[in-house]
Protein backbone atom coordinates (compact mmCIF):
# COMPACT_ATOMS: atom_id res chain seq x y z
CA MET A 1 -16.78 -82.98 43.87
CA LYS A 2 -15.16 -86.25 45.51
CA LEU A 3 -15.85 -90.29 44.33
CA LYS A 4 -18.32 -92.30 46.23
CA ALA A 5 -18.17 -94.80 44.34
CA LYS A 6 -18.48 -96.91 41.51
CA ILE A 7 -21.69 -98.34 41.16
CA MET A 8 -21.76 -100.30 38.26
CA ASP A 9 -18.75 -101.78 35.74
CA GLU A 10 -18.84 -102.85 32.13
CA LYS A 11 -20.44 -106.28 32.81
CA ALA A 12 -23.01 -105.07 35.22
CA ILE A 13 -24.17 -102.08 32.27
CA ASN A 14 -24.01 -104.92 30.20
CA ARG A 15 -25.83 -107.38 31.86
CA SER A 16 -28.72 -104.40 32.69
CA ILE A 17 -28.92 -103.89 28.78
CA THR A 18 -29.12 -107.15 27.95
CA ARG A 19 -32.39 -107.34 30.87
CA LEU A 20 -33.78 -103.94 29.93
CA SER A 21 -33.68 -105.74 26.72
CA HIS A 22 -35.52 -109.11 27.68
CA GLU A 23 -38.77 -106.85 29.57
CA ILE A 24 -38.74 -104.32 26.97
CA ILE A 25 -40.04 -107.87 24.34
CA GLU A 26 -41.98 -109.55 27.68
CA LYS A 27 -44.08 -105.78 27.49
CA ASN A 28 -44.81 -105.94 24.01
CA LYS A 29 -45.53 -109.31 23.14
CA GLY A 30 -42.52 -109.36 20.18
CA ILE A 31 -41.13 -105.90 18.93
CA SER A 32 -43.32 -105.33 16.22
CA ASP A 33 -44.71 -102.39 16.93
CA VAL A 34 -41.97 -100.69 19.07
CA VAL A 35 -39.21 -97.89 18.52
CA LEU A 36 -36.51 -96.58 20.96
CA VAL A 37 -36.24 -93.49 20.85
CA GLY A 38 -32.70 -92.00 22.69
CA ILE A 39 -32.57 -89.10 24.98
CA HIS A 40 -28.86 -87.16 24.18
CA THR A 41 -26.76 -87.59 25.40
CA ARG A 42 -26.45 -91.13 26.68
CA GLY A 43 -29.76 -92.22 26.58
CA VAL A 44 -28.64 -91.99 22.45
CA PRO A 45 -26.33 -94.72 22.63
CA LEU A 46 -27.83 -96.67 25.30
CA ALA A 47 -30.68 -97.11 23.31
CA ALA A 48 -28.92 -98.43 20.18
CA ARG A 49 -27.17 -101.00 22.29
CA ILE A 50 -30.49 -102.04 23.09
CA ALA A 51 -32.07 -102.13 20.06
CA THR A 52 -28.37 -104.20 18.80
CA LYS A 53 -29.39 -106.74 22.47
CA ILE A 54 -32.62 -106.94 20.98
CA LYS A 55 -31.41 -107.91 17.08
CA GLU A 56 -29.43 -110.47 19.06
CA ILE A 57 -32.51 -111.98 21.60
CA GLU A 58 -35.32 -112.02 18.29
CA ASP A 59 -33.85 -111.12 15.05
CA ILE A 60 -35.28 -108.38 13.94
CA ASP A 61 -33.99 -105.18 13.89
CA VAL A 62 -35.81 -102.53 15.50
CA GLU A 63 -36.26 -98.55 14.83
CA VAL A 64 -33.76 -96.52 16.77
CA GLY A 65 -34.51 -92.43 17.07
CA SER A 66 -32.51 -89.78 18.64
CA LEU A 67 -34.25 -87.00 20.52
CA ASP A 68 -33.17 -83.08 21.52
CA ILE A 69 -34.97 -81.99 24.42
CA THR A 70 -33.27 -78.70 25.35
CA LEU A 71 -35.94 -76.24 23.76
CA TYR A 72 -38.24 -78.68 26.01
CA ARG A 73 -36.73 -78.34 29.90
CA ASP A 74 -38.96 -75.87 31.71
CA ASP A 75 -35.17 -74.53 33.32
CA LEU A 76 -33.74 -73.52 29.95
CA SER A 77 -33.45 -70.43 30.76
CA GLU A 78 -31.38 -70.59 34.18
CA ALA A 79 -29.96 -74.28 33.97
CA HIS A 80 -28.01 -72.96 30.80
CA ASP A 81 -26.96 -68.99 29.82
CA ASN A 82 -25.80 -71.03 25.97
CA PRO A 83 -27.81 -74.40 25.28
CA MET A 84 -26.45 -76.76 22.78
CA ILE A 85 -28.99 -77.92 20.83
CA LYS A 86 -28.18 -81.65 19.37
CA LYS A 87 -30.50 -82.87 16.05
CA SER A 88 -33.68 -85.28 16.71
CA LYS A 89 -33.43 -87.65 13.99
CA ILE A 90 -36.97 -90.23 14.08
CA ASN A 91 -36.70 -91.59 10.67
CA VAL A 92 -39.80 -93.75 11.09
CA ASP A 93 -43.75 -92.66 12.06
CA ILE A 94 -44.39 -93.49 15.50
CA ASN A 95 -47.95 -92.41 14.87
CA GLU A 96 -50.07 -95.92 16.68
CA LYS A 97 -46.44 -97.66 17.73
CA ASN A 98 -44.78 -97.38 21.27
CA VAL A 99 -42.41 -95.73 21.71
CA VAL A 100 -39.63 -96.62 24.32
CA LEU A 101 -37.56 -93.31 25.74
CA VAL A 102 -34.37 -94.12 26.85
CA ASP A 103 -31.99 -92.41 29.24
CA ASP A 104 -29.30 -92.70 31.51
CA VAL A 105 -30.21 -91.66 34.47
CA ILE A 106 -34.21 -90.37 36.03
CA PHE A 107 -34.19 -88.11 38.87
CA THR A 108 -36.31 -85.69 39.20
CA GLY A 109 -38.61 -86.08 35.66
CA ARG A 110 -38.23 -83.19 35.05
CA THR A 111 -36.01 -84.24 31.79
CA VAL A 112 -38.43 -87.03 31.15
CA ARG A 113 -41.71 -84.55 30.67
CA ALA A 114 -39.21 -82.48 28.39
CA ALA A 115 -38.67 -85.32 26.13
CA MET A 116 -42.88 -86.65 25.92
CA ASP A 117 -43.69 -82.97 25.04
CA ALA A 118 -40.81 -82.86 22.16
CA LEU A 119 -42.51 -86.89 21.35
CA ILE A 120 -46.18 -85.63 20.93
CA ASP A 121 -45.22 -82.38 18.40
CA ILE A 122 -43.22 -85.46 16.44
CA GLY A 123 -46.50 -87.65 16.76
CA ARG A 124 -49.06 -89.49 18.72
CA PRO A 125 -47.75 -92.76 19.87
CA LYS A 126 -49.77 -95.42 20.83
CA THR A 127 -47.56 -95.60 24.55
CA ILE A 128 -45.31 -93.85 25.67
CA GLN A 129 -43.05 -96.22 27.69
CA LEU A 130 -39.75 -95.50 29.58
CA ALA A 131 -36.32 -97.38 29.86
CA VAL A 132 -33.71 -96.17 32.03
CA LEU A 133 -29.81 -97.35 33.04
CA VAL A 134 -30.73 -95.91 36.84
CA ASP A 135 -33.43 -94.56 38.87
CA ARG A 136 -31.58 -92.45 41.76
CA GLY A 137 -34.89 -91.74 42.73
CA HIS A 138 -36.23 -88.06 44.13
CA ARG A 139 -39.03 -87.53 41.55
CA GLU A 140 -40.77 -84.40 41.78
CA LEU A 141 -42.91 -84.60 38.97
CA PRO A 142 -45.64 -88.12 38.78
CA ILE A 143 -43.53 -90.24 36.47
CA ARG A 144 -42.47 -94.10 36.72
CA PRO A 145 -39.91 -95.92 34.40
CA ASP A 146 -41.65 -99.12 33.33
CA TYR A 147 -37.67 -100.38 32.58
CA VAL A 148 -35.03 -100.42 35.07
CA GLY A 149 -31.96 -100.66 35.07
CA LYS A 150 -30.51 -100.83 38.54
CA ASN A 151 -32.12 -98.49 41.12
CA VAL A 152 -29.68 -96.26 43.09
CA PRO A 153 -30.75 -94.86 46.59
CA THR A 154 -29.21 -91.61 46.35
CA SER A 155 -29.19 -88.21 48.74
CA ARG A 156 -29.05 -84.62 46.94
CA LYS A 157 -25.60 -84.28 47.77
CA GLU A 158 -24.56 -87.14 45.49
CA VAL A 159 -24.49 -87.21 41.86
CA ILE A 160 -24.75 -89.76 39.44
CA SER A 161 -22.07 -89.82 36.47
CA VAL A 162 -22.74 -92.87 33.41
CA CYS A 163 -19.98 -92.88 31.02
CA LEU A 164 -20.61 -95.18 27.87
CA ASP A 165 -17.78 -95.78 25.98
CA GLU A 166 -19.77 -94.20 22.82
CA ILE A 167 -18.67 -90.77 24.09
CA ASP A 168 -16.98 -91.39 27.14
CA ILE A 169 -13.73 -93.70 27.62
CA GLU A 170 -14.95 -96.52 29.51
CA ASN A 171 -17.91 -98.25 30.64
CA GLN A 172 -19.00 -97.87 33.80
CA VAL A 173 -21.70 -96.18 37.10
CA VAL A 174 -20.37 -93.65 39.31
CA ILE A 175 -21.31 -91.73 42.01
CA TYR A 176 -19.72 -88.14 43.14
CA GLU A 177 -20.59 -86.30 46.39
CA LYS A 178 -19.91 -82.90 46.18
């Protein structure tokens, strides 16, 4: 793959996290019933960053969990010979809570569908909302994020790569061309 463009640097990512945090607070009229759930892998540190920013803004801790959707994927048999199963960790009752799923990129919507199935197996949230750092379009399912850091129109020949220093070496979002 060939690097096409760097679309977000660390400052742009931080600005998006700040905006997403404010929008989550505003839409939910505070955060008393909000639980953030990051989708493995990069949604987990993004959820933690949003929680940290909300703490700075509201001076209240928001519950954060992580969700592994591997076994809920509809392409598991064709995409993964030996899937890596990570542990979901949601240490709070999500029943009647406003759960905000957090992911790095939304593309077809299939990951989000799998995440909603996994959440429903855990409990019955009042609402399920979706926050993504990047929306690249090309939905195959009728799923729309509630909060978007950046809309990036792409072709199907392009790949968006989100790098976060909790997992990768640096903070950036880049586009590669296949």
